[in-house]
Amino acid sequence: MFQTWSDLLFLHWQIDPAQIAARIPDRLSVDLHDGKTYLGLVPFFMQKVRPRFLPAVPWLSNFLELNVRAYVHDEHGRPGVWFFSLDCDQPIAVEMARRFFHLPYQHARMSAEGTNYRCQRKGRSEDAVFDYSCGENLRTAEPGSLEFFLLERYLLFSESRSGKIHYGQVHHEPYRYSEAKVPAMSTAPIEWEGFQVEGPPVSALASPGVPVEIHPLGTVKPG
């Protein structure tokens, strides 16, 4: 598949690795940076989503998403992302991602005006609201830095109902990012997943986005 991820906000809080380890499959391990790990909250636009060789369809190919994610690696040491939830306002995309990618997508009402996002998950009364701005001096993350650890992830992992661990590879140019100014944010999506974080995020980054190529799912073989 091809798609474009646009106007991304990356908010991260440090969290006890044991909390993540208790919520991921046994065959995955928590990924650490300088002995620490992080829980991320990422609202953004999904645009021009389409299968290879087919055109984008405006009413189906463009939608909003907000995910709660952590950082893991498999038995072969490959780093990737584990999603605890992915809120989305395109019902067809939600059902397809659940079925074909084994990802915990959630139906939600979402809206955006520029970089002001609003998300209300189905069955929840509270709105999650985010307002931010991206700086003008964009750069790419240095390998080994915390920014590189949080941003440059090219595998996602998921677990099917049968217990198999799957991986999906993505390809894109490195993110160009800046520190984000965030006058309004909500931790409600994190709390919906049973986690608690306190205080401001330790990292708040923004990127105008990247075109992305999505590869078919594979199955993680035992190490």
N, C-alpha and C. Protein backbone atom coordinates (compact mmCIF):
# COMPACT_ATOMS: atom_id res chain seq x y z
N MET A 1 0.84 -1.19 0.00
CA MET A 1 0.00 0.00 0.00
C MET A 1 0.87 1.24 0.00
N PHE A 2 0.28 2.34 -0.45
CA PHE A 2 0.90 3.65 -0.34
C PHE A 2 0.00 4.55 0.48
N GLN A 3 0.60 5.45 1.23
CA GLN A 3 -0.15 6.43 2.01
C GLN A 3 0.80 7.56 2.40
N THR A 4 0.23 8.66 2.87
CA THR A 4 1.02 9.78 3.37
C THR A 4 0.58 10.07 4.79
N TRP A 5 1.56 10.17 5.69
CA TRP A 5 1.29 10.56 7.07
C TRP A 5 1.62 12.05 7.20
N SER A 6 0.64 12.86 7.59
CA SER A 6 0.82 14.32 7.58
C SER A 6 0.50 14.94 8.94
N ASP A 7 1.17 16.06 9.21
CA ASP A 7 0.91 16.88 10.41
C ASP A 7 0.88 16.02 11.66
N LEU A 8 2.00 15.39 11.95
CA LEU A 8 2.11 14.48 13.09
C LEU A 8 2.59 15.21 14.33
N LEU A 9 1.98 14.88 15.46
CA LEU A 9 2.42 15.32 16.77
C LEU A 9 2.84 14.07 17.55
N PHE A 10 4.05 14.08 18.07
CA PHE A 10 4.57 12.95 18.85
C PHE A 10 4.76 13.40 20.29
N LEU A 11 3.91 12.92 21.19
CA LEU A 11 4.04 13.20 22.62
C LEU A 11 4.47 11.93 23.33
N HIS A 12 5.47 12.03 24.19
CA HIS A 12 5.98 10.84 24.88
C HIS A 12 6.22 11.11 26.35
N TRP A 13 5.84 10.13 27.15
CA TRP A 13 6.07 10.12 28.59
C TRP A 13 6.92 8.91 28.95
N GLN A 14 7.85 9.11 29.86
CA GLN A 14 8.61 7.97 30.38
C GLN A 14 7.67 7.12 31.21
N ILE A 15 7.84 5.79 31.12
CA ILE A 15 6.96 4.87 31.84
C ILE A 15 7.77 3.68 32.31
N ASP A 16 7.35 3.08 33.38
CA ASP A 16 8.02 1.90 33.93
C ASP A 16 7.98 0.78 32.88
N PRO A 17 9.14 0.25 32.46
CA PRO A 17 9.14 -0.82 31.46
C PRO A 17 8.28 -2.02 31.86
N ALA A 18 8.15 -2.27 33.17
CA ALA A 18 7.36 -3.41 33.62
C ALA A 18 5.89 -3.25 33.23
N GLN A 19 5.40 -2.02 33.18
CA GLN A 19 4.00 -1.81 32.79
C GLN A 19 3.78 -2.18 31.33
N ILE A 20 4.77 -1.88 30.48
CA ILE A 20 4.67 -2.26 29.08
C ILE A 20 4.84 -3.77 28.93
N ALA A 21 5.82 -4.33 29.62
CA ALA A 21 6.09 -5.77 29.51
C ALA A 21 4.87 -6.59 29.88
N ALA A 22 4.07 -6.12 30.84
CA ALA A 22 2.89 -6.86 31.27
C ALA A 22 1.78 -6.86 30.23
N ARG A 23 1.89 -6.00 29.21
CA ARG A 23 0.80 -5.82 28.26
C ARG A 23 1.15 -6.24 26.83
N ILE A 24 2.33 -6.79 26.62
CA ILE A 24 2.73 -7.21 25.28
C ILE A 24 2.93 -8.72 25.26
N PRO A 25 2.89 -9.36 24.09
CA PRO A 25 3.09 -10.81 24.02
C PRO A 25 4.46 -11.22 24.57
N ASP A 26 4.52 -12.44 25.08
CA ASP A 26 5.76 -12.94 25.69
C ASP A 26 6.93 -12.95 24.70
N ARG A 27 6.64 -13.09 23.43
CA ARG A 27 7.71 -13.19 22.45
C ARG A 27 8.29 -11.83 22.05
N LEU A 28 7.72 -10.77 22.56
CA LEU A 28 8.26 -9.44 22.36
C LEU A 28 8.85 -8.92 23.66
N SER A 29 9.83 -8.03 23.54
CA SER A 29 10.48 -7.43 24.70
C SER A 29 10.41 -5.92 24.60
N VAL A 30 10.41 -5.26 25.75
CA VAL A 30 10.39 -3.80 25.78
C VAL A 30 11.71 -3.28 25.24
N ASP A 31 11.66 -2.31 24.35
CA ASP A 31 12.86 -1.68 23.81
C ASP A 31 13.23 -0.49 24.70
N LEU A 32 14.51 -0.36 25.00
CA LEU A 32 14.98 0.66 25.94
C LEU A 32 15.96 1.60 25.27
N HIS A 33 15.94 2.84 25.71
CA HIS A 33 16.94 3.84 25.32
C HIS A 33 17.57 4.37 26.59
N ASP A 34 18.85 4.11 26.77
CA ASP A 34 19.55 4.48 28.01
C ASP A 34 18.82 3.96 29.23
N GLY A 35 18.30 2.72 29.13
CA GLY A 35 17.64 2.07 30.24
C GLY A 35 16.21 2.51 30.50
N LYS A 36 15.65 3.34 29.62
CA LYS A 36 14.31 3.87 29.82
C LYS A 36 13.44 3.53 28.62
N THR A 37 12.12 3.51 28.85
CA THR A 37 11.20 3.35 27.74
C THR A 37 10.07 4.37 27.86
N TYR A 38 9.27 4.46 26.80
CA TYR A 38 8.34 5.58 26.68
C TYR A 38 7.00 5.10 26.13
N LEU A 39 5.96 5.81 26.52
CA LEU A 39 4.63 5.60 25.98
C LEU A 39 4.29 6.83 25.13
N GLY A 40 3.86 6.56 23.89
CA GLY A 40 3.64 7.65 22.96
C GLY A 40 2.18 7.87 22.63
N LEU A 41 1.85 9.11 22.32
CA LEU A 41 0.52 9.52 21.90
C LEU A 41 0.71 10.33 20.62
N VAL A 42 0.12 9.85 19.50
CA VAL A 42 0.44 10.42 18.19
C VAL A 42 -0.83 10.68 17.39
N PRO A 43 -1.32 11.93 17.30
CA PRO A 43 -2.41 12.25 16.38
C PRO A 43 -1.84 12.73 15.04
N PHE A 44 -2.54 12.38 13.93
CA PHE A 44 -2.05 12.79 12.61
C PHE A 44 -3.12 12.53 11.55
N PHE A 45 -2.82 12.99 10.33
CA PHE A 45 -3.66 12.72 9.17
C PHE A 45 -3.11 11.52 8.41
N MET A 46 -4.00 10.66 7.97
CA MET A 46 -3.69 9.63 6.98
C MET A 46 -4.27 10.13 5.65
N GLN A 47 -3.43 10.23 4.63
CA GLN A 47 -3.88 10.77 3.35
C GLN A 47 -3.43 9.88 2.20
N LYS A 48 -4.23 9.89 1.14
CA LYS A 48 -3.89 9.19 -0.11
C LYS A 48 -3.64 7.70 0.13
N VAL A 49 -4.41 7.11 1.05
CA VAL A 49 -4.25 5.68 1.36
C VAL A 49 -4.82 4.87 0.20
N ARG A 50 -4.02 3.99 -0.35
CA ARG A 50 -4.48 3.21 -1.50
C ARG A 50 -3.63 1.96 -1.65
N PRO A 51 -4.22 0.89 -2.18
CA PRO A 51 -3.42 -0.27 -2.54
C PRO A 51 -2.52 0.04 -3.74
N ARG A 52 -1.46 -0.70 -3.87
CA ARG A 52 -0.58 -0.56 -5.03
C ARG A 52 -1.39 -0.76 -6.31
N PHE A 53 -1.14 0.05 -7.30
CA PHE A 53 -1.75 -0.01 -8.63
C PHE A 53 -3.19 0.50 -8.68
N LEU A 54 -3.72 1.02 -7.56
CA LEU A 54 -5.06 1.58 -7.57
C LEU A 54 -5.01 3.04 -7.13
N PRO A 55 -5.92 3.87 -7.64
CA PRO A 55 -5.92 5.29 -7.25
C PRO A 55 -6.52 5.50 -5.87
N ALA A 56 -6.20 6.63 -5.28
CA ALA A 56 -6.84 7.02 -4.01
C ALA A 56 -8.28 7.42 -4.26
N VAL A 57 -9.14 7.15 -3.29
CA VAL A 57 -10.56 7.52 -3.34
C VAL A 57 -10.79 8.54 -2.22
N PRO A 58 -11.15 9.79 -2.56
CA PRO A 58 -11.18 10.85 -1.54
C PRO A 58 -11.94 10.50 -0.27
N TRP A 59 -13.14 9.94 -0.39
CA TRP A 59 -13.96 9.70 0.81
C TRP A 59 -13.45 8.52 1.65
N LEU A 60 -12.57 7.68 1.06
CA LEU A 60 -12.06 6.51 1.76
C LEU A 60 -10.58 6.64 2.10
N SER A 61 -9.84 7.39 1.33
CA SER A 61 -8.38 7.40 1.42
C SER A 61 -7.81 8.47 2.34
N ASN A 62 -8.65 9.35 2.88
CA ASN A 62 -8.18 10.42 3.74
C ASN A 62 -8.96 10.41 5.05
N PHE A 63 -8.26 10.27 6.16
CA PHE A 63 -8.93 10.23 7.46
C PHE A 63 -7.95 10.61 8.55
N LEU A 64 -8.46 10.70 9.77
CA LEU A 64 -7.67 11.06 10.94
C LEU A 64 -7.39 9.83 11.79
N GLU A 65 -6.27 9.89 12.49
CA GLU A 65 -5.90 8.77 13.35
C GLU A 65 -5.19 9.31 14.59
N LEU A 66 -5.31 8.58 15.67
CA LEU A 66 -4.60 8.90 16.91
C LEU A 66 -4.22 7.58 17.55
N ASN A 67 -2.92 7.38 17.78
CA ASN A 67 -2.52 6.10 18.36
C ASN A 67 -1.78 6.25 19.68
N VAL A 68 -1.92 5.22 20.50
CA VAL A 68 -1.16 5.05 21.73
C VAL A 68 -0.20 3.90 21.50
N ARG A 69 1.10 4.16 21.68
CA ARG A 69 2.07 3.17 21.23
C ARG A 69 3.24 3.06 22.20
N ALA A 70 3.90 1.91 22.12
CA ALA A 70 5.11 1.65 22.90
C ALA A 70 6.16 1.06 21.97
N TYR A 71 7.36 0.87 22.51
CA TYR A 71 8.51 0.47 21.69
C TYR A 71 9.03 -0.87 22.15
N VAL A 72 9.16 -1.79 21.21
CA VAL A 72 9.47 -3.17 21.51
C VAL A 72 10.48 -3.69 20.50
N HIS A 73 11.00 -4.88 20.77
CA HIS A 73 11.76 -5.60 19.75
C HIS A 73 11.40 -7.08 19.83
N ASP A 74 11.60 -7.78 18.72
CA ASP A 74 11.25 -9.20 18.69
C ASP A 74 12.43 -10.06 19.10
N GLU A 75 12.27 -11.38 18.98
CA GLU A 75 13.31 -12.30 19.42
C GLU A 75 14.58 -12.21 18.59
N HIS A 76 14.48 -11.58 17.44
CA HIS A 76 15.64 -11.40 16.57
C HIS A 76 16.30 -10.03 16.77
N GLY A 77 15.79 -9.27 17.75
CA GLY A 77 16.38 -7.98 18.04
C GLY A 77 15.91 -6.85 17.15
N ARG A 78 14.89 -7.08 16.33
CA ARG A 78 14.42 -6.05 15.41
C ARG A 78 13.50 -5.08 16.15
N PRO A 79 13.81 -3.79 16.17
CA PRO A 79 12.99 -2.82 16.89
C PRO A 79 11.73 -2.46 16.10
N GLY A 80 10.66 -2.16 16.83
CA GLY A 80 9.42 -1.78 16.18
C GLY A 80 8.47 -1.13 17.16
N VAL A 81 7.24 -1.01 16.72
CA VAL A 81 6.18 -0.35 17.50
C VAL A 81 5.11 -1.36 17.87
N TRP A 82 4.61 -1.24 19.09
CA TRP A 82 3.44 -2.00 19.53
C TRP A 82 2.33 -0.99 19.82
N PHE A 83 1.18 -1.18 19.19
CA PHE A 83 0.06 -0.26 19.37
C PHE A 83 -0.92 -0.81 20.40
N PHE A 84 -1.25 0.02 21.38
CA PHE A 84 -2.31 -0.33 22.32
C PHE A 84 -3.67 0.10 21.80
N SER A 85 -3.71 1.14 20.99
CA SER A 85 -4.95 1.55 20.36
C SER A 85 -4.65 2.46 19.19
N LEU A 86 -5.59 2.48 18.24
CA LEU A 86 -5.51 3.40 17.10
C LEU A 86 -6.92 3.90 16.84
N ASP A 87 -7.22 5.11 17.28
CA ASP A 87 -8.52 5.70 17.02
C ASP A 87 -8.57 6.22 15.60
N CYS A 88 -9.72 6.08 14.94
CA CYS A 88 -9.83 6.44 13.53
C CYS A 88 -11.28 6.81 13.21
N ASP A 89 -11.45 7.79 12.32
CA ASP A 89 -12.81 8.23 11.98
C ASP A 89 -13.28 7.71 10.63
N GLN A 90 -12.62 6.69 10.09
CA GLN A 90 -13.05 6.06 8.84
C GLN A 90 -13.46 4.61 9.16
N PRO A 91 -14.76 4.33 9.25
CA PRO A 91 -15.21 3.00 9.70
C PRO A 91 -14.68 1.85 8.85
N ILE A 92 -14.59 2.03 7.54
CA ILE A 92 -14.09 0.95 6.69
C ILE A 92 -12.62 0.66 6.99
N ALA A 93 -11.85 1.72 7.18
CA ALA A 93 -10.43 1.54 7.51
C ALA A 93 -10.28 0.80 8.84
N VAL A 94 -11.13 1.12 9.82
CA VAL A 94 -11.07 0.44 11.11
C VAL A 94 -11.27 -1.06 10.94
N GLU A 95 -12.31 -1.44 10.21
CA GLU A 95 -12.62 -2.86 10.07
C GLU A 95 -11.56 -3.59 9.26
N MET A 96 -11.03 -2.95 8.22
CA MET A 96 -10.00 -3.60 7.41
C MET A 96 -8.71 -3.78 8.20
N ALA A 97 -8.33 -2.78 8.99
CA ALA A 97 -7.10 -2.89 9.77
C ALA A 97 -7.22 -3.95 10.86
N ARG A 98 -8.39 -4.04 11.46
CA ARG A 98 -8.60 -5.10 12.46
C ARG A 98 -8.46 -6.48 11.83
N ARG A 99 -9.06 -6.64 10.65
CA ARG A 99 -9.11 -7.96 10.03
C ARG A 99 -7.79 -8.37 9.39
N PHE A 100 -7.17 -7.45 8.66
CA PHE A 100 -6.02 -7.83 7.85
C PHE A 100 -4.68 -7.53 8.51
N PHE A 101 -4.66 -6.60 9.48
CA PHE A 101 -3.40 -6.27 10.14
C PHE A 101 -3.41 -6.61 11.63
N HIS A 102 -4.55 -7.12 12.15
CA HIS A 102 -4.65 -7.56 13.55
C HIS A 102 -4.31 -6.41 14.51
N LEU A 103 -4.71 -5.21 14.16
CA LEU A 103 -4.40 -4.03 14.97
C LEU A 103 -5.64 -3.56 15.72
N PRO A 104 -5.46 -3.02 16.94
CA PRO A 104 -6.60 -2.64 17.80
C PRO A 104 -7.17 -1.27 17.43
N TYR A 105 -7.66 -1.16 16.22
CA TYR A 105 -8.30 0.09 15.79
C TYR A 105 -9.62 0.29 16.52
N GLN A 106 -9.96 1.56 16.78
CA GLN A 106 -11.17 1.92 17.50
C GLN A 106 -11.96 2.95 16.69
N HIS A 107 -13.27 2.76 16.64
CA HIS A 107 -14.13 3.74 15.98
C HIS A 107 -14.17 5.03 16.81
N ALA A 108 -14.07 6.15 16.14
CA ALA A 108 -14.06 7.43 16.85
C ALA A 108 -14.62 8.52 15.95
N ARG A 109 -15.12 9.56 16.59
CA ARG A 109 -15.44 10.80 15.90
C ARG A 109 -14.24 11.72 16.06
N MET A 110 -13.73 12.22 14.94
CA MET A 110 -12.53 13.04 14.99
C MET A 110 -12.70 14.24 14.06
N SER A 111 -12.03 15.32 14.39
CA SER A 111 -12.04 16.50 13.54
C SER A 111 -10.70 17.20 13.69
N ALA A 112 -10.39 18.04 12.71
CA ALA A 112 -9.14 18.80 12.76
C ALA A 112 -9.31 20.10 12.02
N GLU A 113 -8.77 21.14 12.59
CA GLU A 113 -8.65 22.43 11.94
C GLU A 113 -7.18 22.82 12.02
N GLY A 114 -6.49 22.67 10.89
CA GLY A 114 -5.04 22.86 10.93
C GLY A 114 -4.42 21.81 11.82
N THR A 115 -3.69 22.24 12.84
CA THR A 115 -3.08 21.29 13.77
C THR A 115 -3.81 21.28 15.11
N ASN A 116 -5.10 21.53 15.08
CA ASN A 116 -5.95 21.37 16.25
C ASN A 116 -6.80 20.12 16.03
N TYR A 117 -6.58 19.10 16.87
CA TYR A 117 -7.25 17.81 16.71
C TYR A 117 -8.27 17.61 17.84
N ARG A 118 -9.33 16.91 17.51
CA ARG A 118 -10.31 16.51 18.51
C ARG A 118 -10.72 15.07 18.23
N CYS A 119 -10.74 14.26 19.27
CA CYS A 119 -11.07 12.83 19.13
C CYS A 119 -12.02 12.42 20.25
N GLN A 120 -13.11 11.76 19.87
CA GLN A 120 -14.01 11.16 20.85
C GLN A 120 -14.23 9.71 20.44
N ARG A 121 -13.67 8.81 21.22
CA ARG A 121 -13.80 7.38 20.92
C ARG A 121 -15.23 6.92 21.18
N LYS A 122 -15.71 6.03 20.35
CA LYS A 122 -17.04 5.46 20.54
C LYS A 122 -17.13 4.81 21.92
N GLY A 123 -18.17 5.15 22.65
CA GLY A 123 -18.37 4.62 23.99
C GLY A 123 -17.73 5.44 25.10
N ARG A 124 -17.01 6.50 24.73
CA ARG A 124 -16.38 7.37 25.71
C ARG A 124 -17.00 8.76 25.63
N SER A 125 -17.18 9.39 26.76
CA SER A 125 -17.81 10.71 26.77
C SER A 125 -16.80 11.84 26.65
N GLU A 126 -15.56 11.58 27.04
CA GLU A 126 -14.56 12.64 27.08
C GLU A 126 -13.93 12.85 25.71
N ASP A 127 -13.76 14.10 25.32
CA ASP A 127 -13.02 14.45 24.11
C ASP A 127 -11.53 14.56 24.45
N ALA A 128 -10.71 14.08 23.53
CA ALA A 128 -9.27 14.32 23.61
C ALA A 128 -8.94 15.43 22.62
N VAL A 129 -8.39 16.53 23.12
CA VAL A 129 -8.14 17.71 22.29
C VAL A 129 -6.64 18.01 22.31
N PHE A 130 -6.12 18.32 21.13
CA PHE A 130 -4.70 18.65 20.98
C PHE A 130 -4.58 19.89 20.10
N ASP A 131 -3.73 20.80 20.53
CA ASP A 131 -3.45 21.99 19.74
C ASP A 131 -1.94 22.20 19.80
N TYR A 132 -1.31 22.34 18.65
CA TYR A 132 0.14 22.45 18.66
C TYR A 132 0.61 23.22 17.43
N SER A 133 1.87 23.60 17.45
CA SER A 133 2.50 24.21 16.28
C SER A 133 3.88 23.60 16.09
N CYS A 134 4.28 23.51 14.84
CA CYS A 134 5.57 22.94 14.46
C CYS A 134 6.51 24.09 14.13
N GLY A 135 7.75 24.00 14.60
CA GLY A 135 8.72 25.05 14.31
C GLY A 135 9.16 25.05 12.86
N GLU A 136 9.86 26.10 12.47
CA GLU A 136 10.29 26.24 11.09
C GLU A 136 11.64 25.58 10.82
N ASN A 137 12.45 25.41 11.83
CA ASN A 137 13.79 24.84 11.64
C ASN A 137 13.74 23.32 11.79
N LEU A 138 13.46 22.65 10.68
CA LEU A 138 13.31 21.21 10.70
C LEU A 138 14.66 20.51 10.55
N ARG A 139 14.77 19.36 11.17
CA ARG A 139 16.00 18.57 11.08
C ARG A 139 15.65 17.10 11.14
N THR A 140 16.61 16.24 10.88
CA THR A 140 16.42 14.80 11.03
C THR A 140 17.15 14.33 12.29
N ALA A 141 16.69 13.23 12.85
CA ALA A 141 17.23 12.74 14.12
C ALA A 141 18.58 12.07 13.92
N GLU A 142 19.48 12.30 14.86
CA GLU A 142 20.79 11.66 14.85
C GLU A 142 20.68 10.24 15.38
N PRO A 143 21.25 9.24 14.68
CA PRO A 143 21.24 7.87 15.21
C PRO A 143 21.80 7.84 16.63
N GLY A 144 21.11 7.10 17.49
CA GLY A 144 21.51 7.00 18.88
C GLY A 144 20.83 7.98 19.80
N SER A 145 20.20 9.01 19.22
CA SER A 145 19.52 10.01 20.04
C SER A 145 18.14 9.50 20.47
N LEU A 146 17.57 10.16 21.48
CA LEU A 146 16.22 9.81 21.90
C LEU A 146 15.23 10.06 20.77
N GLU A 147 15.41 11.15 20.03
CA GLU A 147 14.51 11.46 18.93
C GLU A 147 14.53 10.35 17.87
N PHE A 148 15.69 9.83 17.59
CA PHE A 148 15.79 8.73 16.62
C PHE A 148 15.06 7.50 17.15
N PHE A 149 15.24 7.19 18.42
CA PHE A 149 14.57 6.04 19.06
C PHE A 149 13.06 6.17 18.95
N LEU A 150 12.52 7.36 19.14
CA LEU A 150 11.08 7.56 19.15
C LEU A 150 10.47 7.67 17.75
N LEU A 151 11.20 8.26 16.83
CA LEU A 151 10.63 8.57 15.52
C LEU A 151 10.91 7.50 14.46
N GLU A 152 12.13 7.03 14.40
CA GLU A 152 12.53 6.21 13.24
C GLU A 152 12.28 4.73 13.51
N ARG A 153 11.03 4.36 13.32
CA ARG A 153 10.58 2.99 13.53
C ARG A 153 10.00 2.47 12.22
N TYR A 154 10.49 1.32 11.76
CA TYR A 154 10.10 0.84 10.44
C TYR A 154 9.45 -0.54 10.47
N LEU A 155 9.12 -1.01 11.67
CA LEU A 155 8.34 -2.23 11.83
C LEU A 155 7.22 -1.97 12.82
N LEU A 156 6.06 -2.57 12.57
CA LEU A 156 5.01 -2.65 13.57
C LEU A 156 4.77 -4.12 13.86
N PHE A 157 4.41 -4.41 15.09
CA PHE A 157 4.10 -5.78 15.49
C PHE A 157 2.63 -5.86 15.91
N SER A 158 2.02 -7.01 15.64
CA SER A 158 0.65 -7.24 16.07
C SER A 158 0.48 -8.73 16.36
N GLU A 159 -0.59 -9.06 17.06
CA GLU A 159 -0.86 -10.45 17.43
C GLU A 159 -2.24 -10.84 16.94
N SER A 160 -2.31 -11.94 16.18
CA SER A 160 -3.60 -12.42 15.70
C SER A 160 -4.31 -13.20 16.79
N ARG A 161 -5.57 -13.51 16.56
CA ARG A 161 -6.34 -14.26 17.55
C ARG A 161 -5.76 -15.64 17.81
N SER A 162 -5.05 -16.17 16.84
CA SER A 162 -4.43 -17.48 17.00
C SER A 162 -3.15 -17.43 17.83
N GLY A 163 -2.71 -16.22 18.19
CA GLY A 163 -1.50 -16.07 18.98
C GLY A 163 -0.24 -15.87 18.18
N LYS A 164 -0.34 -15.85 16.85
CA LYS A 164 0.84 -15.60 16.03
C LYS A 164 1.23 -14.12 16.11
N ILE A 165 2.54 -13.89 16.11
CA ILE A 165 3.06 -12.53 16.11
C ILE A 165 3.39 -12.16 14.66
N HIS A 166 2.83 -11.07 14.21
CA HIS A 166 3.04 -10.61 12.85
C HIS A 166 3.85 -9.31 12.87
N TYR A 167 4.52 -9.06 11.76
CA TYR A 167 5.22 -7.79 11.61
C TYR A 167 4.85 -7.17 10.27
N GLY A 168 4.78 -5.87 10.25
CA GLY A 168 4.55 -5.12 9.03
C GLY A 168 5.67 -4.11 8.86
N GLN A 169 6.28 -4.13 7.70
CA GLN A 169 7.39 -3.22 7.43
C GLN A 169 6.89 -1.99 6.68
N VAL A 170 7.38 -0.84 7.07
CA VAL A 170 7.09 0.40 6.36
C VAL A 170 8.39 1.02 5.89
N HIS A 171 8.29 1.81 4.85
CA HIS A 171 9.47 2.51 4.35
C HIS A 171 9.12 3.96 4.09
N HIS A 172 9.95 4.86 4.60
CA HIS A 172 9.79 6.29 4.31
C HIS A 172 11.12 6.99 4.57
N GLU A 173 11.25 8.17 4.03
CA GLU A 173 12.43 8.98 4.31
C GLU A 173 12.43 9.36 5.80
N PRO A 174 13.58 9.63 6.39
CA PRO A 174 13.59 10.05 7.81
C PRO A 174 12.70 11.27 8.03
N TYR A 175 12.02 11.27 9.17
CA TYR A 175 11.19 12.41 9.51
C TYR A 175 12.02 13.69 9.61
N ARG A 176 11.50 14.77 9.08
CA ARG A 176 12.01 16.10 9.38
C ARG A 176 11.09 16.66 10.47
N TYR A 177 11.67 17.08 11.57
CA TYR A 177 10.87 17.41 12.74
C TYR A 177 11.42 18.65 13.43
N SER A 178 10.63 19.16 14.34
CA SER A 178 11.07 20.21 15.26
C SER A 178 10.43 19.95 16.61
N GLU A 179 10.90 20.65 17.64
CA GLU A 179 10.17 20.63 18.91
C GLU A 179 8.81 21.29 18.68
N ALA A 180 7.80 20.73 19.33
CA ALA A 180 6.44 21.25 19.16
C ALA A 180 6.07 22.14 20.34
N LYS A 181 5.36 23.21 20.06
CA LYS A 181 4.70 24.00 21.09
C LYS A 181 3.28 23.47 21.21
N VAL A 182 2.90 23.07 22.42
CA VAL A 182 1.63 22.36 22.62
C VAL A 182 0.83 23.06 23.71
N PRO A 183 0.02 24.06 23.35
CA PRO A 183 -0.77 24.75 24.37
C PRO A 183 -1.93 23.94 24.92
N ALA A 184 -2.36 22.89 24.20
CA ALA A 184 -3.46 22.06 24.70
C ALA A 184 -3.18 20.61 24.35
N MET A 185 -3.35 19.74 25.32
CA MET A 185 -3.18 18.31 25.08
C MET A 185 -4.04 17.53 26.06
N SER A 186 -4.29 16.28 25.75
CA SER A 186 -5.09 15.40 26.61
C SER A 186 -4.39 14.06 26.76
N THR A 187 -4.41 13.52 27.95
CA THR A 187 -3.90 12.16 28.17
C THR A 187 -5.02 11.14 28.21
N ALA A 188 -6.25 11.56 27.85
CA ALA A 188 -7.39 10.65 27.92
C ALA A 188 -7.17 9.36 27.13
N PRO A 189 -6.63 9.38 25.89
CA PRO A 189 -6.44 8.11 25.18
C PRO A 189 -5.50 7.15 25.90
N ILE A 190 -4.52 7.69 26.62
CA ILE A 190 -3.64 6.83 27.42
C ILE A 190 -4.42 6.21 28.57
N GLU A 191 -5.25 7.01 29.21
CA GLU A 191 -6.05 6.50 30.33
C GLU A 191 -7.09 5.49 29.85
N TRP A 192 -7.63 5.67 28.64
CA TRP A 192 -8.57 4.69 28.08
C TRP A 192 -7.92 3.31 27.97
N GLU A 193 -6.59 3.29 27.85
CA GLU A 193 -5.88 2.01 27.74
C GLU A 193 -5.37 1.50 29.07
N GLY A 194 -5.76 2.14 30.16
CA GLY A 194 -5.41 1.65 31.48
C GLY A 194 -4.06 2.11 32.00
N PHE A 195 -3.44 3.09 31.34
CA PHE A 195 -2.17 3.63 31.81
C PHE A 195 -2.40 4.98 32.48
N GLN A 196 -1.46 5.36 33.34
CA GLN A 196 -1.49 6.68 33.97
C GLN A 196 -0.13 7.35 33.75
N VAL A 197 -0.16 8.59 33.31
CA VAL A 197 1.08 9.37 33.20
C VAL A 197 0.84 10.68 33.92
N GLU A 198 1.92 11.27 34.40
CA GLU A 198 1.82 12.50 35.16
C GLU A 198 2.72 13.58 34.55
N GLY A 199 2.25 14.81 34.66
CA GLY A 199 3.06 15.93 34.22
C GLY A 199 3.13 16.06 32.71
N PRO A 200 3.92 17.02 32.25
CA PRO A 200 4.05 17.23 30.81
C PRO A 200 4.86 16.10 30.17
N PRO A 201 4.73 15.91 28.87
CA PRO A 201 5.53 14.89 28.21
C PRO A 201 7.02 15.25 28.26
N VAL A 202 7.86 14.23 28.29
CA VAL A 202 9.31 14.47 28.29
C VAL A 202 9.80 14.81 26.89
N SER A 203 8.99 14.52 25.89
CA SER A 203 9.34 14.84 24.51
C SER A 203 8.07 15.24 23.77
N ALA A 204 8.13 16.37 23.06
CA ALA A 204 7.01 16.84 22.24
C ALA A 204 7.59 17.29 20.91
N LEU A 205 7.35 16.49 19.87
CA LEU A 205 7.93 16.72 18.56
C LEU A 205 6.82 16.81 17.52
N ALA A 206 7.08 17.52 16.44
CA ALA A 206 6.11 17.64 15.36
C ALA A 206 6.82 17.50 14.03
N SER A 207 6.10 16.94 13.07
CA SER A 207 6.65 16.77 11.72
C SER A 207 5.57 17.05 10.70
N PRO A 208 5.91 17.71 9.59
CA PRO A 208 4.92 17.90 8.52
C PRO A 208 4.52 16.60 7.85
N GLY A 209 5.37 15.55 7.96
CA GLY A 209 4.96 14.25 7.46
C GLY A 209 5.84 13.68 6.38
N VAL A 210 5.48 12.46 5.95
CA VAL A 210 6.26 11.71 4.96
C VAL A 210 5.34 10.83 4.12
N PRO A 211 5.67 10.62 2.84
CA PRO A 211 5.03 9.56 2.07
C PRO A 211 5.56 8.21 2.55
N VAL A 212 4.68 7.20 2.57
CA VAL A 212 5.01 5.91 3.18
C VAL A 212 4.61 4.78 2.25
N GLU A 213 5.47 3.78 2.19
CA GLU A 213 5.15 2.53 1.50
C GLU A 213 4.96 1.44 2.54
N ILE A 214 3.84 0.74 2.46
CA ILE A 214 3.48 -0.30 3.43
C ILE A 214 3.65 -1.67 2.76
N HIS A 215 4.41 -2.56 3.39
CA HIS A 215 4.64 -3.89 2.84
C HIS A 215 3.68 -4.91 3.46
N PRO A 216 3.45 -6.04 2.82
CA PRO A 216 2.55 -7.06 3.37
C PRO A 216 3.05 -7.58 4.73
N LEU A 217 2.11 -8.05 5.54
CA LEU A 217 2.46 -8.62 6.83
C LEU A 217 3.26 -9.90 6.66
N GLY A 218 4.23 -10.09 7.58
CA GLY A 218 4.93 -11.35 7.70
C GLY A 218 4.70 -11.92 9.09
N THR A 219 5.12 -13.14 9.30
CA THR A 219 4.99 -13.80 10.61
C THR A 219 6.36 -13.92 11.25
N VAL A 220 6.45 -13.51 12.50
CA VAL A 220 7.71 -13.59 13.22
C VAL A 220 8.00 -15.05 13.55
N LYS A 221 9.11 -15.57 13.06
CA LYS A 221 9.51 -16.95 13.35
C LYS A 221 10.15 -17.01 14.73
N PRO A 222 9.98 -18.11 15.46
CA PRO A 222 10.63 -18.22 16.77
C PRO A 222 12.12 -18.03 16.67
N GLY A 223 12.70 -17.36 17.67
CA GLY A 223 14.12 -17.09 17.66
C GLY A 223 14.93 -18.31 18.08
